[in-house]
Amino acid sequence: MNEANKKSVWRFIQKHGDFLKDKLEPHPNHPNGRNPYAHICLLINQKFSCSYKDISDEKVEQLKRFILSINK
């Protein structure tokens, strides 16, 4: 993925991570609360089998649609 797309996707993750703040279920391993940005990145890694930075430029829109689906 090119640098412009990386920055764009990271801003997208931040925006939707802000929406998830205080909405993730509590977990005993995270006594101070769960990190919504890490949660989104983990789900991306599980779905695409790589970091968001390693996804091809052709799949950026698919990635953004996936991130949108996480918030529903």
PDB file of N, CA and C in Angstrom:
ATOM      1  N   MET A   1       0.844  -1.174   0.000  1.00  0.00           N
ATOM      2  CA  MET A   1       0.000   0.000   0.000  1.00  0.00           C
ATOM      3  C   MET A   1       0.889   1.236   0.000  1.00  0.00           C
ATOM      4  N   ASN A   2       0.508   2.228  -0.793  1.00  0.00           N
ATOM      5  CA  ASN A   2       1.316   3.438  -0.839  1.00  0.00           C
ATOM      6  C   ASN A   2       1.108   4.282   0.429  1.00  0.00           C
ATOM      7  N   GLU A   3       1.976   5.243   0.628  1.00  0.00           N
ATOM      8  CA  GLU A   3       1.992   6.031   1.867  1.00  0.00           C
ATOM      9  C   GLU A   3       0.698   6.826   2.057  1.00  0.00           C
ATOM     10  N   ALA A   4       0.170   7.390   0.997  1.00  0.00           N
ATOM     11  CA  ALA A   4      -1.075   8.175   1.099  1.00  0.00           C
ATOM     12  C   ALA A   4      -2.235   7.297   1.552  1.00  0.00           C
ATOM     13  N   ASN A   5      -2.319   6.094   1.008  1.00  0.00           N
ATOM     14  CA  ASN A   5      -3.387   5.173   1.409  1.00  0.00           C
ATOM     15  C   ASN A   5      -3.197   4.713   2.852  1.00  0.00           C
ATOM     16  N   LYS A   6      -1.952   4.489   3.279  1.00  0.00           N
ATOM     17  CA  LYS A   6      -1.694   4.094   4.666  1.00  0.00           C
ATOM     18  C   LYS A   6      -2.215   5.148   5.627  1.00  0.00           C
ATOM     19  N   LYS A   7      -1.910   6.415   5.324  1.00  0.00           N
ATOM     20  CA  LYS A   7      -2.360   7.508   6.190  1.00  0.00           C
ATOM     21  C   LYS A   7      -3.877   7.619   6.179  1.00  0.00           C
ATOM     22  N   SER A   8      -4.467   7.461   5.014  1.00  0.00           N
ATOM     23  CA  SER A   8      -5.914   7.542   4.884  1.00  0.00           C
ATOM     24  C   SER A   8      -6.604   6.429   5.680  1.00  0.00           C
ATOM     25  N   VAL A   9      -6.097   5.214   5.550  1.00  0.00           N
ATOM     26  CA  VAL A   9      -6.683   4.079   6.262  1.00  0.00           C
ATOM     27  C   VAL A   9      -6.481   4.245   7.760  1.00  0.00           C
ATOM     28  N   TRP A  10      -5.329   4.721   8.198  1.00  0.00           N
ATOM     29  CA  TRP A  10      -5.101   4.908   9.637  1.00  0.00           C
ATOM     30  C   TRP A  10      -6.070   5.945  10.198  1.00  0.00           C
ATOM     31  N   ARG A  11      -6.317   7.029   9.473  1.00  0.00           N
ATOM     32  CA  ARG A  11      -7.301   8.031   9.928  1.00  0.00           C
ATOM     33  C   ARG A  11      -8.689   7.402  10.006  1.00  0.00           C
ATOM     34  N   PHE A  12      -9.004   6.535   9.060  1.00  0.00           N
ATOM     35  CA  PHE A  12     -10.281   5.832   9.038  1.00  0.00           C
ATOM     36  C   PHE A  12     -10.400   4.922  10.261  1.00  0.00           C
ATOM     37  N   ILE A  13      -9.314   4.208  10.580  1.00  0.00           N
ATOM     38  CA  ILE A  13      -9.288   3.347  11.764  1.00  0.00           C
ATOM     39  C   ILE A  13      -9.477   4.187  13.025  1.00  0.00           C
ATOM     40  N   GLN A  14      -8.807   5.322  13.104  1.00  0.00           N
ATOM     41  CA  GLN A  14      -8.926   6.188  14.276  1.00  0.00           C
ATOM     42  C   GLN A  14     -10.356   6.695  14.435  1.00  0.00           C
ATOM     43  N   LYS A  15     -10.949   7.124  13.345  1.00  0.00           N
ATOM     44  CA  LYS A  15     -12.315   7.650  13.387  1.00  0.00           C
ATOM     45  C   LYS A  15     -13.282   6.585  13.905  1.00  0.00           C
ATOM     46  N   HIS A  16     -13.167   5.401  13.389  1.00  0.00           N
ATOM     47  CA  HIS A  16     -14.087   4.339  13.785  1.00  0.00           C
ATOM     48  C   HIS A  16     -13.695   3.717  15.120  1.00  0.00           C
ATOM     49  N   GLY A  17     -12.431   3.808  15.478  1.00  0.00           N
ATOM     50  CA  GLY A  17     -12.002   3.385  16.811  1.00  0.00           C
ATOM     51  C   GLY A  17     -12.566   4.308  17.869  1.00  0.00           C
ATOM     52  N   ASP A  18     -12.625   5.603  17.575  1.00  0.00           N
ATOM     53  CA  ASP A  18     -13.225   6.554  18.509  1.00  0.00           C
ATOM     54  C   ASP A  18     -14.683   6.195  18.774  1.00  0.00           C
ATOM     55  N   PHE A  19     -15.374   5.738  17.746  1.00  0.00           N
ATOM     56  CA  PHE A  19     -16.766   5.325  17.891  1.00  0.00           C
ATOM     57  C   PHE A  19     -16.892   4.122  18.833  1.00  0.00           C
ATOM     58  N   LEU A  20     -15.888   3.235  18.821  1.00  0.00           N
ATOM     59  CA  LEU A  20     -15.936   2.015  19.644  1.00  0.00           C
ATOM     60  C   LEU A  20     -15.476   2.223  21.086  1.00  0.00           C
ATOM     61  N   LYS A  21     -14.920   3.384  21.393  1.00  0.00           N
ATOM     62  CA  LYS A  21     -14.443   3.636  22.760  1.00  0.00           C
ATOM     63  C   LYS A  21     -15.560   3.394  23.753  1.00  0.00           C
ATOM     64  N   ASP A  22     -15.230   2.680  24.821  1.00  0.00           N
ATOM     65  CA  ASP A  22     -16.170   2.353  25.900  1.00  0.00           C
ATOM     66  C   ASP A  22     -17.339   1.489  25.449  1.00  0.00           C
ATOM     67  N   LYS A  23     -17.283   0.914  24.253  1.00  0.00           N
ATOM     68  CA  LYS A  23     -18.350   0.033  23.776  1.00  0.00           C
ATOM     69  C   LYS A  23     -17.912  -1.420  23.690  1.00  0.00           C
ATOM     70  N   LEU A  24     -16.610  -1.665  23.789  1.00  0.00           N
ATOM     71  CA  LEU A  24     -16.115  -3.037  23.738  1.00  0.00           C
ATOM     72  C   LEU A  24     -16.350  -3.697  25.083  1.00  0.00           C
ATOM     73  N   GLU A  25     -16.672  -4.970  25.045  1.00  0.00           N
ATOM     74  CA  GLU A  25     -16.923  -5.701  26.287  1.00  0.00           C
ATOM     75  C   GLU A  25     -15.669  -5.731  27.145  1.00  0.00           C
ATOM     76  N   PRO A  26     -15.835  -5.623  28.461  1.00  0.00           N
ATOM     77  CA  PRO A  26     -14.669  -5.701  29.351  1.00  0.00           C
ATOM     78  C   PRO A  26     -14.001  -7.077  29.253  1.00  0.00           C
ATOM     79  N   HIS A  27     -12.712  -7.092  29.527  1.00  0.00           N
ATOM     80  CA  HIS A  27     -11.954  -8.345  29.483  1.00  0.00           C
ATOM     81  C   HIS A  27     -10.985  -8.336  30.648  1.00  0.00           C
ATOM     82  N   PRO A  28     -10.823  -9.476  31.344  1.00  0.00           N
ATOM     83  CA  PRO A  28      -9.930  -9.508  32.509  1.00  0.00           C
ATOM     84  C   PRO A  28      -8.471  -9.185  32.190  1.00  0.00           C
ATOM     85  N   ASN A  29      -8.035  -9.387  30.964  1.00  0.00           N
ATOM     86  CA  ASN A  29      -6.660  -9.065  30.582  1.00  0.00           C
ATOM     87  C   ASN A  29      -6.455  -7.573  30.330  1.00  0.00           C
ATOM     88  N   HIS A  30      -7.549  -6.819  30.317  1.00  0.00           N
ATOM     89  CA  HIS A  30      -7.486  -5.380  30.048  1.00  0.00           C
ATOM     90  C   HIS A  30      -8.231  -4.623  31.149  1.00  0.00           C
ATOM     91  N   PRO A  31      -7.651  -4.548  32.348  1.00  0.00           N
ATOM     92  CA  PRO A  31      -8.370  -3.923  33.469  1.00  0.00           C
ATOM     93  C   PRO A  31      -8.631  -2.429  33.267  1.00  0.00           C
ATOM     94  N   ASN A  32      -7.852  -1.753  32.454  1.00  0.00           N
ATOM     95  CA  ASN A  32      -8.053  -0.325  32.215  1.00  0.00           C
ATOM     96  C   ASN A  32      -8.891  -0.056  30.972  1.00  0.00           C
ATOM     97  N   GLY A  33      -9.479  -1.091  30.412  1.00  0.00           N
ATOM     98  CA  GLY A  33     -10.288  -0.955  29.205  1.00  0.00           C
ATOM     99  C   GLY A  33      -9.538  -1.425  27.976  1.00  0.00           C
ATOM    100  N   ARG A  34     -10.315  -1.810  26.976  1.00  0.00           N
ATOM    101  CA  ARG A  34      -9.723  -2.321  25.742  1.00  0.00           C
ATOM    102  C   ARG A  34      -9.425  -1.191  24.781  1.00  0.00           C
ATOM    103  N   ASN A  35      -8.386  -1.389  23.971  1.00  0.00           N
ATOM    104  CA  ASN A  35      -7.955  -0.399  22.989  1.00  0.00           C
ATOM    105  C   ASN A  35      -8.750  -0.632  21.696  1.00  0.00           C
ATOM    106  N   PRO A  36      -9.643   0.302  21.342  1.00  0.00           N
ATOM    107  CA  PRO A  36     -10.476   0.074  20.153  1.00  0.00           C
ATOM    108  C   PRO A  36      -9.685   0.073  18.848  1.00  0.00           C
ATOM    109  N   TYR A  37      -8.583   0.819  18.795  1.00  0.00           N
ATOM    110  CA  TYR A  37      -7.765   0.858  17.575  1.00  0.00           C
ATOM    111  C   TYR A  37      -7.065  -0.489  17.378  1.00  0.00           C
ATOM    112  N   ALA A  38      -6.549  -1.036  18.455  1.00  0.00           N
ATOM    113  CA  ALA A  38      -5.908  -2.353  18.392  1.00  0.00           C
ATOM    114  C   ALA A  38      -6.940  -3.423  18.043  1.00  0.00           C
ATOM    115  N   HIS A  39      -8.157  -3.249  18.541  1.00  0.00           N
ATOM    116  CA  HIS A  39      -9.230  -4.204  18.249  1.00  0.00           C
ATOM    117  C   HIS A  39      -9.512  -4.229  16.741  1.00  0.00           C
ATOM    118  N   ILE A  40      -9.622  -3.056  16.143  1.00  0.00           N
ATOM    119  CA  ILE A  40      -9.875  -2.979  14.701  1.00  0.00           C
ATOM    120  C   ILE A  40      -8.704  -3.588  13.926  1.00  0.00           C
ATOM    121  N   CYS A  41      -7.484  -3.263  14.326  1.00  0.00           N
ATOM    122  CA  CYS A  41      -6.302  -3.808  13.637  1.00  0.00           C
ATOM    123  C   CYS A  41      -6.237  -5.324  13.769  1.00  0.00           C
ATOM    124  N   LEU A  42      -6.623  -5.846  14.928  1.00  0.00           N
ATOM    125  CA  LEU A  42      -6.644  -7.298  15.125  1.00  0.00           C
ATOM    126  C   LEU A  42      -7.655  -7.955  14.193  1.00  0.00           C
ATOM    127  N   LEU A  43      -8.838  -7.365  14.087  1.00  0.00           N
ATOM    128  CA  LEU A  43      -9.858  -7.926  13.196  1.00  0.00           C
ATOM    129  C   LEU A  43      -9.418  -7.862  11.736  1.00  0.00           C
ATOM    130  N   ILE A  44      -8.743  -6.782  11.363  1.00  0.00           N
ATOM    131  CA  ILE A  44      -8.211  -6.666   9.995  1.00  0.00           C
ATOM    132  C   ILE A  44      -7.197  -7.779   9.752  1.00  0.00           C
ATOM    133  N   ASN A  45      -6.325  -7.989  10.728  1.00  0.00           N
ATOM    134  CA  ASN A  45      -5.303  -9.029  10.602  1.00  0.00           C
ATOM    135  C   ASN A  45      -5.948 -10.402  10.472  1.00  0.00           C
ATOM    136  N   GLN A  46      -7.013 -10.660  11.231  1.00  0.00           N
ATOM    137  CA  GLN A  46      -7.690 -11.952  11.145  1.00  0.00           C
ATOM    138  C   GLN A  46      -8.378 -12.135   9.799  1.00  0.00           C
ATOM    139  N   LYS A  47      -9.004 -11.076   9.288  1.00  0.00           N
ATOM    140  CA  LYS A  47      -9.748 -11.162   8.030  1.00  0.00           C
ATOM    141  C   LYS A  47      -8.820 -11.254   6.811  1.00  0.00           C
ATOM    142  N   PHE A  48      -7.786 -10.406   6.787  1.00  0.00           N
ATOM    143  CA  PHE A  48      -6.934 -10.307   5.599  1.00  0.00           C
ATOM    144  C   PHE A  48      -5.598 -11.035   5.752  1.00  0.00           C
ATOM    145  N   SER A  49      -5.330 -11.590   6.927  1.00  0.00           N
ATOM    146  CA  SER A  49      -4.094 -12.329   7.215  1.00  0.00           C
ATOM    147  C   SER A  49      -2.839 -11.477   7.053  1.00  0.00           C
ATOM    148  N   CYS A  50      -2.982 -10.176   7.296  1.00  0.00           N
ATOM    149  CA  CYS A  50      -1.838  -9.271   7.264  1.00  0.00           C
ATOM    150  C   CYS A  50      -2.233  -7.949   7.904  1.00  0.00           C
ATOM    151  N   SER A  51      -1.247  -7.129   8.162  1.00  0.00           N
ATOM    152  CA  SER A  51      -1.483  -5.803   8.710  1.00  0.00           C
ATOM    153  C   SER A  51      -2.193  -4.938   7.666  1.00  0.00           C
ATOM    154  N   TYR A  52      -2.902  -3.916   8.131  1.00  0.00           N
ATOM    155  CA  TYR A  52      -3.565  -3.021   7.172  1.00  0.00           C
ATOM    156  C   TYR A  52      -2.547  -2.373   6.240  1.00  0.00           C
ATOM    157  N   LYS A  53      -1.313  -2.197   6.710  1.00  0.00           N
ATOM    158  CA  LYS A  53      -0.269  -1.571   5.894  1.00  0.00           C
ATOM    159  C   LYS A  53       0.179  -2.459   4.736  1.00  0.00           C
ATOM    160  N   ASP A  54      -0.046  -3.762   4.869  1.00  0.00           N
ATOM    161  CA  ASP A  54       0.415  -4.712   3.857  1.00  0.00           C
ATOM    162  C   ASP A  54      -0.656  -5.069   2.821  1.00  0.00           C
ATOM    163  N   ILE A  55      -1.835  -4.497   2.954  1.00  0.00           N
ATOM    164  CA  ILE A  55      -2.913  -4.762   2.007  1.00  0.00           C
ATOM    165  C   ILE A  55      -2.647  -3.966   0.733  1.00  0.00           C
ATOM    166  N   SER A  56      -2.944  -4.556  -0.394  1.00  0.00           N
ATOM    167  CA  SER A  56      -2.658  -3.884  -1.673  1.00  0.00           C
ATOM    168  C   SER A  56      -3.564  -2.676  -1.865  1.00  0.00           C
ATOM    169  N   ASP A  57      -3.108  -1.734  -2.664  1.00  0.00           N
ATOM    170  CA  ASP A  57      -3.875  -0.521  -2.952  1.00  0.00           C
ATOM    171  C   ASP A  57      -5.236  -0.841  -3.578  1.00  0.00           C
ATOM    172  N   GLU A  58      -5.310  -1.921  -4.314  1.00  0.00           N
ATOM    173  CA  GLU A  58      -6.550  -2.306  -4.976  1.00  0.00           C
ATOM    174  C   GLU A  58      -7.632  -2.716  -3.975  1.00  0.00           C
ATOM    175  N   LYS A  59      -7.229  -3.109  -2.771  1.00  0.00           N
ATOM    176  CA  LYS A  59      -8.190  -3.588  -1.776  1.00  0.00           C
ATOM    177  C   LYS A  59      -8.510  -2.555  -0.691  1.00  0.00           C
ATOM    178  N   VAL A  60      -8.099  -1.303  -0.886  1.00  0.00           N
ATOM    179  CA  VAL A  60      -8.327  -0.273   0.134  1.00  0.00           C
ATOM    180  C   VAL A  60      -9.821  -0.059   0.376  1.00  0.00           C
ATOM    181  N   GLU A  61     -10.613   0.016  -0.683  1.00  0.00           N
ATOM    182  CA  GLU A  61     -12.059   0.225  -0.509  1.00  0.00           C
ATOM    183  C   GLU A  61     -12.701  -0.968   0.187  1.00  0.00           C
ATOM    184  N   GLN A  62     -12.264  -2.168  -0.147  1.00  0.00           N
ATOM    185  CA  GLN A  62     -12.764  -3.368   0.531  1.00  0.00           C
ATOM    186  C   GLN A  62     -12.412  -3.311   2.014  1.00  0.00           C
ATOM    187  N   LEU A  63     -11.213  -2.866   2.334  1.00  0.00           N
ATOM    188  CA  LEU A  63     -10.772  -2.725   3.719  1.00  0.00           C
ATOM    189  C   LEU A  63     -11.643  -1.710   4.460  1.00  0.00           C
ATOM    190  N   LYS A  64     -11.921  -0.578   3.836  1.00  0.00           N
ATOM    191  CA  LYS A  64     -12.756   0.446   4.471  1.00  0.00           C
ATOM    192  C   LYS A  64     -14.178  -0.067   4.701  1.00  0.00           C
ATOM    193  N   ARG A  65     -14.713  -0.814   3.755  1.00  0.00           N
ATOM    194  CA  ARG A  65     -16.047  -1.409   3.951  1.00  0.00           C
ATOM    195  C   ARG A  65     -16.030  -2.381   5.120  1.00  0.00           C
ATOM    196  N   PHE A  66     -14.947  -3.145   5.248  1.00  0.00           N
ATOM    197  CA  PHE A  66     -14.822  -4.078   6.377  1.00  0.00           C
ATOM    198  C   PHE A  66     -14.792  -3.316   7.697  1.00  0.00           C
ATOM    199  N   ILE A  67     -14.041  -2.230   7.765  1.00  0.00           N
ATOM    200  CA  ILE A  67     -13.965  -1.433   8.988  1.00  0.00           C
ATOM    201  C   ILE A  67     -15.337  -0.866   9.339  1.00  0.00           C
ATOM    202  N   LEU A  68     -16.053  -0.401   8.335  1.00  0.00           N
ATOM    203  CA  LEU A  68     -17.427   0.091   8.568  1.00  0.00           C
ATOM    204  C   LEU A  68     -18.316  -0.998   9.145  1.00  0.00           C
ATOM    205  N   SER A  69     -18.141  -2.225   8.666  1.00  0.00           N
ATOM    206  CA  SER A  69     -18.981  -3.331   9.144  1.00  0.00           C
ATOM    207  C   SER A  69     -18.682  -3.692  10.601  1.00  0.00           C
ATOM    208  N   ILE A  70     -17.502  -3.360  11.087  1.00  0.00           N
ATOM    209  CA  ILE A  70     -17.146  -3.655  12.479  1.00  0.00           C
ATOM    210  C   ILE A  70     -18.015  -2.828  13.420  1.00  0.00           C
ATOM    211  N   ASN A  71     -18.322  -1.609  13.048  1.00  0.00           N
ATOM    212  CA  ASN A  71     -19.083  -0.714  13.913  1.00  0.00           C
ATOM    213  C   ASN A  71     -20.565  -1.044  13.977  1.00  0.00           C
ATOM    214  N   LYS A  72     -21.026  -1.929  13.141  1.00  0.00           N
ATOM    215  CA  LYS A  72     -22.481  -2.247  13.128  1.00  0.00           C
ATOM    216  C   LYS A  72     -22.810  -3.328  14.099  1.00  0.00           C
TER     217      LYS A  72
END
